[in-house]
N, C-alpha and C. Protein backbone atom coordinates (compact mmCIF):
# COMPACT_ATOMS: atom_id res chain seq x y z
N MET A 1 -18.42 24.09 27.96
CA MET A 1 -17.41 24.23 26.58
C MET A 1 -18.11 25.60 25.76
N ASP A 2 -16.54 26.35 25.54
CA ASP A 2 -17.40 27.97 25.30
C ASP A 2 -16.60 27.77 23.55
N TYR A 3 -16.13 26.90 23.28
CA TYR A 3 -15.50 27.08 21.87
C TYR A 3 -16.13 27.05 20.92
N THR A 4 -16.06 28.07 19.89
CA THR A 4 -17.05 28.29 19.31
C THR A 4 -16.27 27.92 17.53
N PHE A 5 -16.74 27.14 16.83
CA PHE A 5 -16.15 26.41 15.79
C PHE A 5 -16.43 27.52 14.69
N ASP A 6 -15.08 27.52 13.70
CA ASP A 6 -15.38 28.30 12.39
C ASP A 6 -14.72 27.74 11.44
N PHE A 7 -15.65 26.95 10.70
CA PHE A 7 -14.78 26.48 9.26
C PHE A 7 -14.37 27.25 8.08
N GLN A 8 -15.26 28.30 8.28
CA GLN A 8 -15.27 29.26 7.08
C GLN A 8 -13.64 30.13 6.99
N SER A 9 -13.12 29.73 8.35
CA SER A 9 -11.66 30.03 8.17
C SER A 9 -10.49 29.32 7.75
N ILE A 10 -10.99 28.47 7.41
CA ILE A 10 -10.23 27.29 6.94
C ILE A 10 -10.13 27.45 5.03
N SER A 11 -8.86 27.47 4.89
CA SER A 11 -8.76 27.41 3.39
C SER A 11 -8.37 26.32 2.85
N PHE A 12 -9.43 25.60 2.17
CA PHE A 12 -9.23 24.54 1.21
C PHE A 12 -7.97 24.29 0.17
N GLY A 13 -7.63 25.45 -0.38
CA GLY A 13 -6.54 25.44 -1.06
C GLY A 13 -5.20 24.34 -0.91
N PRO A 14 -5.22 24.64 0.04
CA PRO A 14 -3.82 24.08 0.52
C PRO A 14 -4.22 22.44 0.84
N LEU A 15 -5.36 22.27 1.51
CA LEU A 15 -5.46 20.76 1.89
C LEU A 15 -5.82 20.29 0.61
N TRP A 16 -6.31 20.75 -1.03
CA TRP A 16 -6.60 20.07 -2.00
C TRP A 16 -5.07 19.89 -2.62
N GLU A 17 -4.29 20.67 -2.61
CA GLU A 17 -2.91 20.84 -3.10
C GLU A 17 -2.51 18.95 -2.55
N GLY A 18 -2.66 19.17 -0.84
CA GLY A 18 -2.08 17.81 0.05
C GLY A 18 -2.58 16.81 -0.59
N LEU A 19 -3.86 16.59 -0.63
CA LEU A 19 -4.54 15.40 -1.29
C LEU A 19 -4.13 15.17 -2.58
N MET A 20 -3.65 15.94 -3.08
CA MET A 20 -3.20 15.36 -4.58
C MET A 20 -1.82 14.95 -4.22
N VAL A 21 -1.05 15.45 -3.69
CA VAL A 21 0.20 14.62 -3.12
C VAL A 21 -0.57 13.45 -2.60
N THR A 22 -1.14 13.09 -1.73
CA THR A 22 -1.46 11.96 -1.09
C THR A 22 -1.94 11.04 -1.77
N LEU A 23 -2.69 11.60 -2.68
CA LEU A 23 -2.93 10.46 -3.60
C LEU A 23 -2.05 9.75 -4.78
N GLN A 24 -1.04 10.71 -5.01
CA GLN A 24 -0.25 10.43 -6.11
C GLN A 24 1.09 9.50 -5.29
N LEU A 25 1.42 9.77 -4.12
CA LEU A 25 1.87 8.48 -2.99
C LEU A 25 1.57 7.49 -3.06
N THR A 26 0.14 7.58 -3.20
CA THR A 26 -0.78 6.03 -3.12
C THR A 26 -0.55 5.46 -4.30
N ALA A 27 -1.21 6.28 -5.21
CA ALA A 27 -0.90 5.48 -6.26
C ALA A 27 0.34 4.54 -6.89
N ALA A 28 1.54 5.65 -6.47
CA ALA A 28 3.05 4.95 -7.18
C ALA A 28 3.17 4.06 -6.17
N ALA A 29 3.03 3.96 -4.29
CA ALA A 29 3.17 2.89 -3.75
C ALA A 29 2.46 1.70 -4.18
N ASN A 30 1.34 1.65 -4.67
CA ASN A 30 0.37 0.95 -4.93
C ASN A 30 0.47 -0.02 -6.31
N LEU A 31 1.18 0.82 -7.07
CA LEU A 31 1.72 0.42 -8.25
C LEU A 31 3.21 -0.68 -8.33
N ILE A 32 3.85 -0.43 -7.34
CA ILE A 32 4.96 -0.84 -6.55
C ILE A 32 4.51 -1.97 -6.27
N GLY A 33 3.92 -1.83 -5.21
CA GLY A 33 3.33 -3.07 -4.04
C GLY A 33 2.62 -3.91 -5.05
N VAL A 34 1.50 -3.75 -6.08
CA VAL A 34 0.71 -4.96 -6.89
C VAL A 34 1.86 -5.10 -7.89
N VAL A 35 2.50 -4.84 -8.26
CA VAL A 35 3.34 -5.44 -9.65
C VAL A 35 4.01 -6.10 -8.96
N LEU A 36 5.14 -5.59 -8.40
CA LEU A 36 6.38 -6.29 -7.71
C LEU A 36 5.90 -7.47 -6.84
N GLY A 37 5.01 -7.36 -5.89
CA GLY A 37 4.42 -8.18 -4.72
C GLY A 37 4.51 -9.60 -5.49
N PHE A 38 3.73 -9.86 -6.61
CA PHE A 38 3.67 -11.10 -7.23
C PHE A 38 4.98 -12.13 -7.26
N PRO A 39 5.92 -11.49 -7.89
CA PRO A 39 7.21 -11.82 -8.02
C PRO A 39 7.90 -12.16 -6.98
N LEU A 40 7.72 -11.25 -5.97
CA LEU A 40 8.26 -11.51 -4.28
C LEU A 40 7.55 -12.96 -3.49
N ALA A 41 6.49 -13.21 -4.12
CA ALA A 41 5.56 -14.31 -3.33
C ALA A 41 6.47 -15.37 -4.02
N LEU A 42 6.62 -15.37 -5.25
CA LEU A 42 7.35 -16.36 -6.03
C LEU A 42 8.79 -16.92 -5.39
N LEU A 43 9.36 -15.74 -5.11
CA LEU A 43 10.94 -16.26 -4.35
C LEU A 43 10.20 -16.75 -3.13
N ILE A 44 9.59 -16.23 -2.67
CA ILE A 44 9.31 -17.01 -0.68
C ILE A 44 8.92 -18.21 -1.28
N MET A 45 8.44 -18.89 -1.71
CA MET A 45 8.07 -20.04 -2.21
C MET A 45 8.84 -20.81 -3.01
N SER A 46 10.20 -20.30 -2.93
CA SER A 46 11.19 -20.95 -4.01
C SER A 46 11.67 -22.14 -2.95
N ARG A 47 11.76 -23.08 -3.51
CA ARG A 47 12.42 -24.43 -2.83
C ARG A 47 13.90 -24.38 -2.89
N PHE A 48 14.78 -23.19 -3.47
CA PHE A 48 16.20 -22.95 -3.09
C PHE A 48 16.37 -21.90 -2.21
N ALA A 49 17.06 -22.47 -0.96
CA ALA A 49 17.00 -21.14 0.12
C ALA A 49 17.72 -20.03 0.05
N PRO A 50 18.83 -20.40 -0.81
CA PRO A 50 19.66 -19.04 -1.19
C PRO A 50 18.52 -17.92 -1.83
N VAL A 51 17.44 -18.13 -2.33
CA VAL A 51 16.38 -17.61 -3.11
C VAL A 51 15.39 -17.19 -1.89
N ARG A 52 14.99 -18.19 -1.45
CA ARG A 52 13.77 -17.87 -0.37
C ARG A 52 14.48 -17.31 0.71
N LEU A 53 15.32 -17.59 1.16
CA LEU A 53 15.40 -16.79 2.83
C LEU A 53 15.86 -15.25 2.72
N PRO A 54 16.16 -14.56 1.57
CA PRO A 54 16.27 -13.24 1.34
C PRO A 54 14.73 -12.39 1.46
N ALA A 55 14.30 -13.38 0.52
CA ALA A 55 12.72 -12.77 0.30
C ALA A 55 12.10 -12.84 1.68
N VAL A 56 11.74 -13.76 2.28
CA VAL A 56 11.49 -13.94 3.40
C VAL A 56 11.97 -12.99 4.58
N LEU A 57 12.95 -12.40 4.49
CA LEU A 57 13.78 -11.87 5.41
C LEU A 57 13.14 -10.31 4.90
N PHE A 58 13.26 -10.40 3.64
CA PHE A 58 12.45 -8.66 2.87
C PHE A 58 11.45 -8.84 3.89
N VAL A 59 10.26 -9.73 3.54
CA VAL A 59 8.62 -9.41 3.76
C VAL A 59 8.52 -9.00 5.46
N GLU A 60 9.46 -9.81 6.41
CA GLU A 60 9.08 -10.12 7.95
C GLU A 60 9.73 -8.47 8.53
N PHE A 61 10.79 -8.24 7.75
CA PHE A 61 11.49 -6.85 7.89
C PHE A 61 10.21 -5.87 7.95
N PHE A 62 9.40 -5.82 6.87
CA PHE A 62 8.53 -4.53 6.40
C PHE A 62 7.22 -5.09 7.15
N ARG A 63 7.12 -5.91 7.54
CA ARG A 63 6.15 -6.54 8.23
C ARG A 63 5.80 -6.18 9.61
N CYS A 64 7.37 -6.04 10.32
CA CYS A 64 7.36 -6.48 11.87
C CYS A 64 7.82 -5.13 11.99
N THR A 65 7.95 -4.23 11.64
CA THR A 65 8.68 -2.76 11.89
C THR A 65 7.50 -1.70 11.71
N PRO A 66 7.55 -0.75 12.45
CA PRO A 66 6.45 0.39 12.00
C PRO A 66 6.88 1.03 10.78
N ALA A 67 5.82 1.56 9.98
CA ALA A 67 6.10 2.25 8.98
C ALA A 67 6.74 3.50 8.87
N ILE A 68 6.32 4.00 10.31
CA ILE A 68 6.93 5.47 10.32
C ILE A 68 8.70 5.15 10.50
N VAL A 69 9.10 4.21 11.36
CA VAL A 69 10.67 3.91 10.92
C VAL A 69 10.95 3.81 10.17
N GLN A 70 10.30 3.16 8.97
CA GLN A 70 10.71 2.52 7.20
C GLN A 70 11.03 3.72 6.57
N ILE A 71 9.75 4.61 7.04
CA ILE A 71 10.08 5.99 6.39
C ILE A 71 11.39 7.10 6.55
N VAL A 72 11.43 6.91 7.90
CA VAL A 72 12.77 7.95 8.60
C VAL A 72 13.65 7.46 8.12
N TRP A 73 14.01 6.06 8.03
CA TRP A 73 15.03 5.46 7.91
C TRP A 73 15.73 5.96 6.09
N PHE A 74 14.18 5.54 5.58
CA PHE A 74 14.94 5.72 3.77
C PHE A 74 15.17 7.30 3.79
N PHE A 75 14.54 8.22 4.71
CA PHE A 75 14.71 9.55 4.22
C PHE A 75 16.36 10.29 5.21
N TYR A 76 16.36 9.45 5.89
CA TYR A 76 17.87 9.73 6.72
C TYR A 76 18.87 8.82 6.30
N CYS A 77 18.78 7.92 6.25
CA CYS A 77 19.80 6.45 6.50
C CYS A 77 20.57 6.41 5.10
N VAL A 78 19.80 6.24 4.08
CA VAL A 78 20.02 5.90 2.49
C VAL A 78 20.74 6.66 2.28
N PRO A 79 20.51 8.48 2.30
CA PRO A 79 21.72 9.06 1.61
C PRO A 79 23.06 8.95 2.33
N MET A 80 22.97 8.43 3.93
CA MET A 80 24.42 8.43 4.43
C MET A 80 25.01 7.37 4.35
N LEU A 81 24.50 6.18 3.87
CA LEU A 81 24.63 4.88 3.84
C LEU A 81 25.29 4.32 2.12
N PHE A 82 24.40 4.97 1.59
CA PHE A 82 24.73 4.42 0.27
C PHE A 82 25.05 5.96 -0.66
N ASN A 83 25.03 7.07 -0.44
CA ASN A 83 25.58 8.28 -1.09
C ASN A 83 24.40 8.52 -2.09
N VAL A 84 23.37 8.31 -2.00
CA VAL A 84 21.94 8.36 -3.16
C VAL A 84 21.11 9.01 -2.27
N PHE A 85 21.19 10.63 -2.94
CA PHE A 85 20.11 11.61 -2.48
C PHE A 85 19.08 11.70 -3.59
N LEU A 86 17.74 11.13 -3.03
CA LEU A 86 16.88 11.34 -3.91
C LEU A 86 15.99 12.46 -3.24
N GLY A 87 14.66 13.01 -3.54
CA GLY A 87 13.82 14.05 -2.97
C GLY A 87 12.92 13.14 -2.17
N SER A 88 12.12 13.80 -1.20
CA SER A 88 11.70 13.32 -0.13
C SER A 88 10.21 12.78 -0.68
N MET A 89 9.70 13.06 -1.28
CA MET A 89 8.68 12.26 -2.49
C MET A 89 8.98 10.94 -2.89
N THR A 90 10.35 11.11 -3.25
CA THR A 90 10.75 9.66 -3.72
C THR A 90 10.97 8.51 -2.63
N MET A 91 11.44 9.20 -1.67
CA MET A 91 11.55 8.14 -0.57
C MET A 91 10.62 8.09 -0.29
N GLY A 92 9.48 8.99 -0.02
CA GLY A 92 8.50 8.37 0.45
C GLY A 92 7.50 7.56 -0.01
N ILE A 93 7.60 7.56 -1.57
CA ILE A 93 7.33 6.40 -2.21
C ILE A 93 7.91 5.13 -2.17
N LEU A 94 9.02 5.10 -2.24
CA LEU A 94 9.93 3.78 -2.29
C LEU A 94 9.54 3.45 -0.88
N ALA A 95 9.67 3.85 0.15
CA ALA A 95 9.28 3.24 1.60
C ALA A 95 7.88 2.56 1.77
N LEU A 96 6.90 3.31 1.47
CA LEU A 96 5.27 3.16 1.20
C LEU A 96 5.27 1.85 0.45
N GLY A 97 5.90 2.28 -0.74
CA GLY A 97 5.98 0.96 -1.83
C GLY A 97 6.35 -0.55 -1.56
N LEU A 98 7.65 -0.36 -0.86
CA LEU A 98 8.30 -1.68 -0.10
C LEU A 98 7.37 -2.32 0.68
N ASN A 99 7.16 -1.43 1.44
CA ASN A 99 6.11 -2.01 2.65
C ASN A 99 4.55 -2.81 2.24
N LEU A 100 4.35 -2.01 1.18
CA LEU A 100 2.76 -2.60 0.42
C LEU A 100 3.26 -3.87 0.06
N MET A 101 4.52 -3.69 -0.86
CA MET A 101 5.13 -4.94 -1.59
C MET A 101 5.26 -6.09 -0.56
N ALA A 102 5.66 -6.05 0.64
CA ALA A 102 5.90 -7.26 1.40
C ALA A 102 4.56 -7.63 1.90
N PHE A 103 3.80 -6.94 1.90
CA PHE A 103 2.21 -7.40 2.81
C PHE A 103 1.43 -7.84 1.44
N ASN A 104 1.79 -7.06 0.46
CA ASN A 104 1.01 -8.01 -0.96
C ASN A 104 1.60 -9.13 -1.42
N ALA A 105 2.97 -9.49 -1.04
CA ALA A 105 3.06 -10.47 -1.40
C ALA A 105 2.77 -11.90 -0.73
N GLU A 106 2.25 -11.57 1.07
CA GLU A 106 1.53 -12.45 1.34
C GLU A 106 0.38 -12.72 0.68
N ALA A 107 -0.46 -11.63 0.59
CA ALA A 107 -1.52 -12.20 -0.27
C ALA A 107 -1.58 -12.96 -1.22
N TYR A 108 -0.57 -12.84 -2.30
CA TYR A 108 -0.31 -13.27 -3.37
C TYR A 108 -0.06 -14.65 -3.13
N ARG A 109 1.06 -14.85 -2.18
CA ARG A 109 1.48 -16.54 -1.44
C ARG A 109 0.50 -17.09 -1.22
N ALA A 110 -0.67 -16.55 -0.28
CA ALA A 110 -2.01 -17.24 0.01
C ALA A 110 -2.75 -17.70 -1.11
N SER A 111 -3.14 -16.80 -2.36
CA SER A 111 -4.11 -17.03 -3.10
C SER A 111 -2.87 -18.13 -4.06
N ILE A 112 -1.81 -17.82 -4.36
CA ILE A 112 -1.17 -19.20 -4.82
C ILE A 112 -1.43 -20.61 -4.83
N GLN A 113 -0.94 -20.78 -3.43
CA GLN A 113 -1.39 -21.71 -2.93
C GLN A 113 -2.95 -22.35 -2.78
N ALA A 114 -3.87 -21.73 -3.12
CA ALA A 114 -5.05 -22.11 -3.56
C ALA A 114 -5.68 -22.25 -4.76
N VAL A 115 -4.53 -22.23 -5.50
CA VAL A 115 -5.20 -22.51 -7.10
C VAL A 115 -4.94 -23.90 -7.37
N PRO A 116 -6.18 -24.37 -8.10
CA PRO A 116 -6.29 -25.84 -7.76
C PRO A 116 -5.44 -26.33 -8.22
N ARG A 117 -5.38 -27.45 -7.69
CA ARG A 117 -4.28 -28.62 -8.32
C ARG A 117 -4.43 -28.81 -9.87
N GLU A 118 -5.71 -28.88 -10.10
CA GLU A 118 -6.25 -29.83 -11.39
C GLU A 118 -6.07 -28.90 -12.45
N GLN A 119 -5.97 -27.29 -12.17
CA GLN A 119 -5.64 -26.52 -13.15
C GLN A 119 -4.08 -26.57 -13.57
N LEU A 120 -3.48 -26.53 -12.61
CA LEU A 120 -1.46 -27.20 -13.02
C LEU A 120 -1.51 -28.32 -13.76
N ASP A 121 -2.32 -29.54 -13.31
CA ASP A 121 -2.12 -30.81 -14.05
C ASP A 121 -2.68 -30.28 -15.35
N ALA A 122 -3.53 -29.37 -15.59
CA ALA A 122 -4.25 -29.61 -17.17
C ALA A 122 -3.48 -28.74 -17.52
N GLY A 123 -2.53 -27.67 -17.25
CA GLY A 123 -1.36 -27.32 -17.94
C GLY A 123 0.02 -27.86 -18.22
N ILE A 124 0.08 -28.74 -17.35
CA ILE A 124 1.42 -29.70 -17.70
C ILE A 124 0.84 -30.64 -18.46
N ALA A 125 -0.63 -31.46 -18.79
CA ALA A 125 -0.63 -31.67 -19.90
C ALA A 125 -1.02 -31.34 -21.30
N LEU A 126 -0.80 -29.97 -21.27
CA LEU A 126 -0.91 -29.03 -22.55
C LEU A 126 0.42 -28.62 -22.88
N GLY A 127 1.57 -29.07 -21.75
CA GLY A 127 2.57 -28.86 -22.50
C GLY A 127 3.42 -27.86 -22.11
N LEU A 128 2.83 -26.93 -21.20
CA LEU A 128 3.14 -25.49 -20.97
C LEU A 128 4.38 -25.64 -19.90
N ASN A 129 5.20 -25.05 -20.16
CA ASN A 129 6.53 -25.05 -19.31
C ASN A 129 6.35 -24.17 -17.88
N PRO A 130 7.22 -24.04 -16.69
CA PRO A 130 7.08 -23.53 -15.53
C PRO A 130 6.70 -22.16 -15.92
N LEU A 131 7.03 -21.50 -16.51
CA LEU A 131 7.07 -20.07 -16.68
C LEU A 131 5.61 -20.01 -17.64
N GLN A 132 5.11 -20.47 -18.76
CA GLN A 132 4.07 -20.56 -19.18
C GLN A 132 3.00 -20.89 -17.80
N ARG A 133 2.84 -22.05 -17.45
CA ARG A 133 2.16 -21.85 -16.23
C ARG A 133 1.91 -21.04 -15.21
N THR A 134 2.91 -20.10 -14.63
CA THR A 134 2.72 -19.29 -13.89
C THR A 134 2.05 -17.95 -14.56
N LEU A 135 2.54 -17.62 -15.63
CA LEU A 135 2.23 -16.72 -16.66
C LEU A 135 0.27 -16.92 -16.50
N HIS A 136 0.08 -18.08 -17.25
CA HIS A 136 -1.12 -18.30 -17.80
C HIS A 136 -2.47 -18.99 -16.88
N ILE A 137 -1.88 -19.13 -15.88
CA ILE A 137 -2.36 -19.94 -14.98
C ILE A 137 -2.77 -19.49 -13.73
N VAL A 138 -1.12 -19.65 -13.02
CA VAL A 138 -0.62 -19.10 -11.41
C VAL A 138 -1.57 -17.73 -11.42
N LEU A 139 -0.94 -16.93 -12.21
CA LEU A 139 -0.83 -15.34 -12.07
C LEU A 139 -2.47 -14.87 -12.43
N PRO A 140 -3.35 -15.15 -13.16
CA PRO A 140 -4.65 -14.54 -13.12
C PRO A 140 -5.28 -15.13 -12.24
N THR A 141 -5.10 -16.27 -12.28
CA THR A 141 -6.11 -16.83 -10.64
C THR A 141 -5.58 -16.42 -9.26
N ALA A 142 -4.58 -16.22 -8.90
CA ALA A 142 -4.06 -15.58 -7.86
C ALA A 142 -4.34 -13.88 -7.71
N VAL A 143 -4.12 -13.38 -9.01
CA VAL A 143 -4.61 -11.72 -9.15
C VAL A 143 -5.85 -11.88 -8.70
N ARG A 144 -7.20 -12.19 -8.85
CA ARG A 144 -8.45 -12.56 -9.15
C ARG A 144 -8.68 -12.74 -7.85
N ALA A 145 -7.98 -13.87 -7.19
CA ALA A 145 -8.34 -14.03 -5.29
C ALA A 145 -7.73 -13.18 -4.68
N SER A 146 -6.97 -12.45 -5.11
CA SER A 146 -6.33 -11.40 -4.33
C SER A 146 -6.77 -9.96 -3.97
N ILE A 147 -7.55 -9.66 -4.83
CA ILE A 147 -7.99 -8.20 -5.00
C ILE A 147 -8.76 -8.05 -3.88
N PRO A 148 -9.56 -8.15 -3.12
CA PRO A 148 -10.12 -7.82 -1.95
C PRO A 148 -9.09 -7.68 -1.14
N VAL A 149 -8.06 -8.38 -0.82
CA VAL A 149 -7.21 -8.00 0.13
C VAL A 149 -5.89 -6.45 -0.87
N LEU A 150 -5.85 -7.12 -2.05
CA LEU A 150 -5.15 -6.07 -2.59
C LEU A 150 -5.45 -4.77 -2.18
N LEU A 151 -7.26 -4.89 -2.60
CA LEU A 151 -7.62 -3.09 -2.04
C LEU A 151 -7.48 -2.48 -0.68
N THR A 152 -7.47 -3.64 0.08
CA THR A 152 -7.90 -3.62 1.90
C THR A 152 -6.09 -2.91 1.72
N ASN A 153 -5.13 -3.93 1.36
CA ASN A 153 -3.95 -3.10 1.74
C ASN A 153 -3.42 -1.68 0.83
N GLY A 154 -4.22 -1.30 0.04
CA GLY A 154 -4.32 -0.12 -0.80
C GLY A 154 -4.77 1.12 0.43
N ILE A 155 -5.95 0.61 0.55
CA ILE A 155 -6.48 1.22 1.32
C ILE A 155 -5.63 1.78 2.91
N GLY A 156 -5.10 0.76 3.41
CA GLY A 156 -4.09 1.29 4.30
C GLY A 156 -3.19 1.91 4.06
N ILE A 157 -2.31 1.46 2.98
CA ILE A 157 -1.22 2.48 2.73
C ILE A 157 -1.77 4.16 2.36
N PHE A 158 -2.79 4.05 1.87
CA PHE A 158 -3.46 5.44 1.52
C PHE A 158 -3.37 6.66 3.03
N GLN A 159 -3.98 5.27 3.81
CA GLN A 159 -4.15 5.92 5.56
C GLN A 159 -2.54 6.10 5.97
N GLN A 160 -1.79 5.08 5.81
CA GLN A 160 -0.57 5.59 6.10
C GLN A 160 0.70 6.51 5.88
N SER A 161 0.19 6.94 4.70
CA SER A 161 0.54 7.79 3.91
C SER A 161 0.96 9.42 4.40
N ALA A 162 -0.16 9.67 5.53
CA ALA A 162 0.11 10.84 6.70
C ALA A 162 1.24 10.55 6.76
N LEU A 163 1.96 9.70 7.05
CA LEU A 163 3.58 9.78 8.00
C LEU A 163 4.49 10.39 7.13
N VAL A 164 4.10 10.26 6.11
CA VAL A 164 5.28 10.94 5.33
C VAL A 164 5.88 12.46 5.56
N ALA A 165 4.32 13.25 6.25
CA ALA A 165 4.43 14.42 6.69
C ALA A 165 5.47 14.77 7.76
N ILE A 166 6.16 13.84 8.32
CA ILE A 166 7.32 14.33 9.17
C ILE A 166 8.39 14.26 8.27
N VAL A 167 8.73 13.86 7.29
CA VAL A 167 10.14 14.02 6.96
C VAL A 167 9.56 15.23 5.16
N ALA A 168 8.44 15.98 5.74
CA ALA A 168 8.48 17.41 4.90
C ALA A 168 8.11 17.09 3.45
N VAL A 169 7.21 15.97 3.22
CA VAL A 169 6.49 15.54 2.13
C VAL A 169 4.98 16.16 2.69
N GLN A 170 4.66 17.60 1.63
CA GLN A 170 4.00 18.47 1.20
C GLN A 170 2.41 17.50 0.98
N ASP A 171 2.14 16.48 2.13
CA ASP A 171 0.90 15.83 1.28
C ASP A 171 -0.43 16.60 2.36
N LEU A 172 -1.63 15.63 2.50
CA LEU A 172 -2.40 16.39 3.00
C LEU A 172 -2.38 16.43 4.38
N MET A 173 -1.81 15.50 5.67
CA MET A 173 -1.36 15.84 6.43
C MET A 173 -0.30 16.70 6.85
N TYR A 174 0.54 17.06 6.18
CA TYR A 174 1.73 18.15 6.11
C TYR A 174 0.82 19.67 6.23
N GLN A 175 0.18 19.63 4.93
CA GLN A 175 -0.75 20.97 4.86
C GLN A 175 -1.61 21.11 5.90
N ALA A 176 -2.28 20.03 6.45
CA ALA A 176 -3.24 20.44 7.40
C ALA A 176 -2.35 20.73 8.46
N LYS A 177 -1.37 20.36 9.19
CA LYS A 177 -0.74 20.87 10.30
C LYS A 177 -0.11 22.24 9.93
N THR A 178 0.41 22.35 8.70
CA THR A 178 0.85 24.06 8.64
C THR A 178 -0.65 25.10 8.87
N LEU A 179 -1.69 24.70 8.19
CA LEU A 179 -2.99 25.23 8.33
C LEU A 179 -3.37 25.22 9.53
N ALA A 180 -3.20 24.42 10.48
CA ALA A 180 -3.82 24.48 12.22
C ALA A 180 -2.75 25.64 12.52
N THR A 181 -1.50 25.40 12.22
CA THR A 181 -1.00 26.28 13.00
C THR A 181 -0.62 27.96 12.64
N GLU A 182 -0.90 28.04 11.47
CA GLU A 182 -1.19 29.28 10.72
C GLU A 182 -2.69 30.09 11.45
N THR A 183 -3.51 29.21 11.38
CA THR A 183 -4.91 29.49 11.95
C THR A 183 -5.47 29.23 13.21
N TYR A 184 -4.62 28.46 13.53
CA TYR A 184 -4.91 28.54 15.30
C TYR A 184 -6.34 27.80 15.53
N ARG A 185 -6.34 26.59 14.25
CA ARG A 185 -7.80 26.25 14.07
C ARG A 185 -7.84 24.74 14.20
N PRO A 186 -7.04 24.13 14.69
CA PRO A 186 -6.75 22.48 14.76
C PRO A 186 -8.15 21.77 14.63
N ILE A 187 -8.69 21.58 15.45
CA ILE A 187 -10.22 21.10 15.58
C ILE A 187 -10.64 21.11 14.16
N GLU A 188 -10.85 22.65 13.80
CA GLU A 188 -11.80 22.25 12.51
C GLU A 188 -10.62 22.01 11.49
N THR A 189 -9.69 21.88 11.65
CA THR A 189 -8.56 21.63 10.49
C THR A 189 -8.19 20.04 10.23
N PHE A 190 -8.02 19.26 11.06
CA PHE A 190 -7.91 17.91 11.56
C PHE A 190 -9.36 17.32 11.38
N THR A 191 -10.43 17.97 11.72
CA THR A 191 -12.12 17.46 11.40
C THR A 191 -12.21 17.13 10.29
N ILE A 192 -11.80 18.22 9.23
CA ILE A 192 -11.97 18.38 8.02
C ILE A 192 -11.43 17.16 7.12
N VAL A 193 -10.05 17.07 7.57
CA VAL A 193 -8.78 16.48 7.15
C VAL A 193 -9.06 14.54 7.62
N ALA A 194 -9.88 14.32 8.50
CA ALA A 194 -10.35 13.14 9.29
C ALA A 194 -11.46 13.04 8.02
N LEU A 195 -12.37 13.84 7.66
CA LEU A 195 -13.72 13.93 6.41
C LEU A 195 -12.86 13.11 5.22
N VAL A 196 -11.93 13.73 5.17
CA VAL A 196 -11.51 13.74 3.84
C VAL A 196 -10.75 11.99 3.25
N TYR A 197 -10.27 11.47 4.63
CA TYR A 197 -9.38 10.01 4.44
C TYR A 197 -10.57 9.31 4.43
N PHE A 198 -11.98 9.71 5.42
CA PHE A 198 -12.98 8.94 5.54
C PHE A 198 -13.53 8.70 3.89
N ALA A 199 -13.93 9.88 3.38
CA ALA A 199 -14.52 10.02 2.35
C ALA A 199 -14.17 9.18 0.87
N VAL A 200 -12.57 8.86 0.98
CA VAL A 200 -11.87 8.24 0.25
C VAL A 200 -11.90 6.62 0.83
N SER A 201 -11.51 6.53 2.09
CA SER A 201 -11.34 4.84 1.88
C SER A 201 -12.84 4.37 2.21
N PHE A 202 -13.91 4.64 2.59
CA PHE A 202 -15.23 4.45 2.71
C PHE A 202 -15.74 3.77 1.71
N PRO A 203 -15.96 4.10 0.52
CA PRO A 203 -16.22 3.75 -0.67
C PRO A 203 -15.56 2.68 -1.26
N VAL A 204 -13.91 2.54 -1.09
CA VAL A 204 -12.99 1.34 -1.49
C VAL A 204 -13.46 0.28 -0.49
N SER A 205 -13.85 0.49 0.98
CA SER A 205 -13.95 -0.58 1.83
C SER A 205 -15.62 -1.26 1.77
N GLN A 206 -16.19 -0.74 0.91
CA GLN A 206 -17.63 -0.85 0.65
C GLN A 206 -17.41 -1.56 -1.01
N VAL A 207 -16.54 -1.56 -1.63
CA VAL A 207 -16.20 -2.37 -2.98
C VAL A 207 -15.34 -4.14 -2.37
N VAL A 208 -14.33 -3.81 -1.28
CA VAL A 208 -14.16 -4.69 -0.79
C VAL A 208 -14.97 -5.94 -0.18
N GLY A 209 -15.92 -5.17 0.54
CA GLY A 209 -16.98 -5.80 1.20
C GLY A 209 -17.62 -6.47 0.23
N TYR A 210 -18.03 -5.98 -0.92
CA TYR A 210 -19.08 -6.46 -1.94
C TYR A 210 -18.02 -7.83 -2.70
N LEU A 211 -16.57 -7.65 -3.17
CA LEU A 211 -15.98 -8.72 -3.48
C LEU A 211 -16.01 -10.28 -2.68
N GLU A 212 -15.79 -9.25 -1.32
CA GLU A 212 -16.03 -10.58 -0.51
C GLU A 212 -17.28 -11.52 -0.57
N ARG A 213 -18.41 -10.72 -0.41
CA ARG A 213 -19.35 -11.21 -0.52
C ARG A 213 -19.89 -12.21 -1.53
N ARG A 214 -19.46 -11.25 -2.70
CA ARG A 214 -19.82 -12.10 -4.28
C ARG A 214 -18.42 -13.41 -4.32
N ARG A 215 -17.33 -13.37 -3.50
CA ARG A 215 -16.49 -14.71 -3.91
C ARG A 215 -16.94 -15.43 -2.79
N GLN A 216 -17.57 -15.40 -1.69
CA GLN A 216 -18.86 -16.35 -0.74
C GLN A 216 -19.31 -16.86 -1.66
N LEU A 217 -20.35 -16.25 -2.46
CA LEU A 217 -21.44 -16.76 -2.98
C LEU A 217 -20.92 -18.04 -3.93
N MET A 218 -19.91 -17.50 -4.82
CA MET A 218 -19.08 -18.31 -5.86
C MET A 218 -19.04 -19.50 -5.72
N THR A 219 -18.44 -19.29 -4.19
CA THR A 219 -17.12 -20.68 -3.70
C THR A 219 -18.33 -21.84 -2.86
N SER A 220 -19.74 -21.12 -2.77
CA SER A 220 -20.33 -21.58 -1.68
C SER A 220 -21.18 -22.61 -2.88
C-alpha cells in the first residue's frame, strides 16, 4: 500500500457547517419525538379501537420501514400527493421526527405499563381525574423511566440524520461527500466524519450506560 495520507488538505470549514446542520436536525427531530411520543403512546394504549388502531398502524409503519425510504417519500411524494411544498430541511426534520416519535412511543408505552398500580390508586383516592392522574403521576414516572431509551433513540436519530444528504440537505454527510469529490481525498474526509460522529455519540452512550446502572441499583 503506497497511499499517502494528507489530512492537511481537508478544509474543516464545510464540515463544521455541516455538523451544525446535523445538530439542528437532531435537536428538532428529538423535540418532535420526545414531546409527541408520549401522547402517541396513550393513543396506542386506548381501549377504543378507532383511536388505537390508527396509532398502532402509524408506529408500525415507521418502525418497519427503512428511514431512508421515509425520507425519500416525504421529499418526493408529499409535494405530489398533497400539493405541499416545504424546504428539504423541513422535510428531513419531519421524516426523522416522526420516525423517532414512533420509537419513543414504544419506550413511553413500556414505562407507562410499569407505573406501580399503587400510585394510580393513590391518585384515585386523592380525587384526581384521569387527566390529572396522567399529568401528575403517569407522565413524570414514565419520562424518568424512559430517559435511557430516549437518549439511545436520540443517538440513533443523530446517526440516521446522515441519510438526509440524499435529498440535498447540506448536513455533515453532504458536506463530506462534496469535499471528498473536490479534494479527491475520500479516506481522509470520511475518517474525519466518522470520528466526529463518534465524538458526539460516545459521550451520550456513556451517560445512557450510567443511567442504566443507576436505575438497576435503585431497583435492586
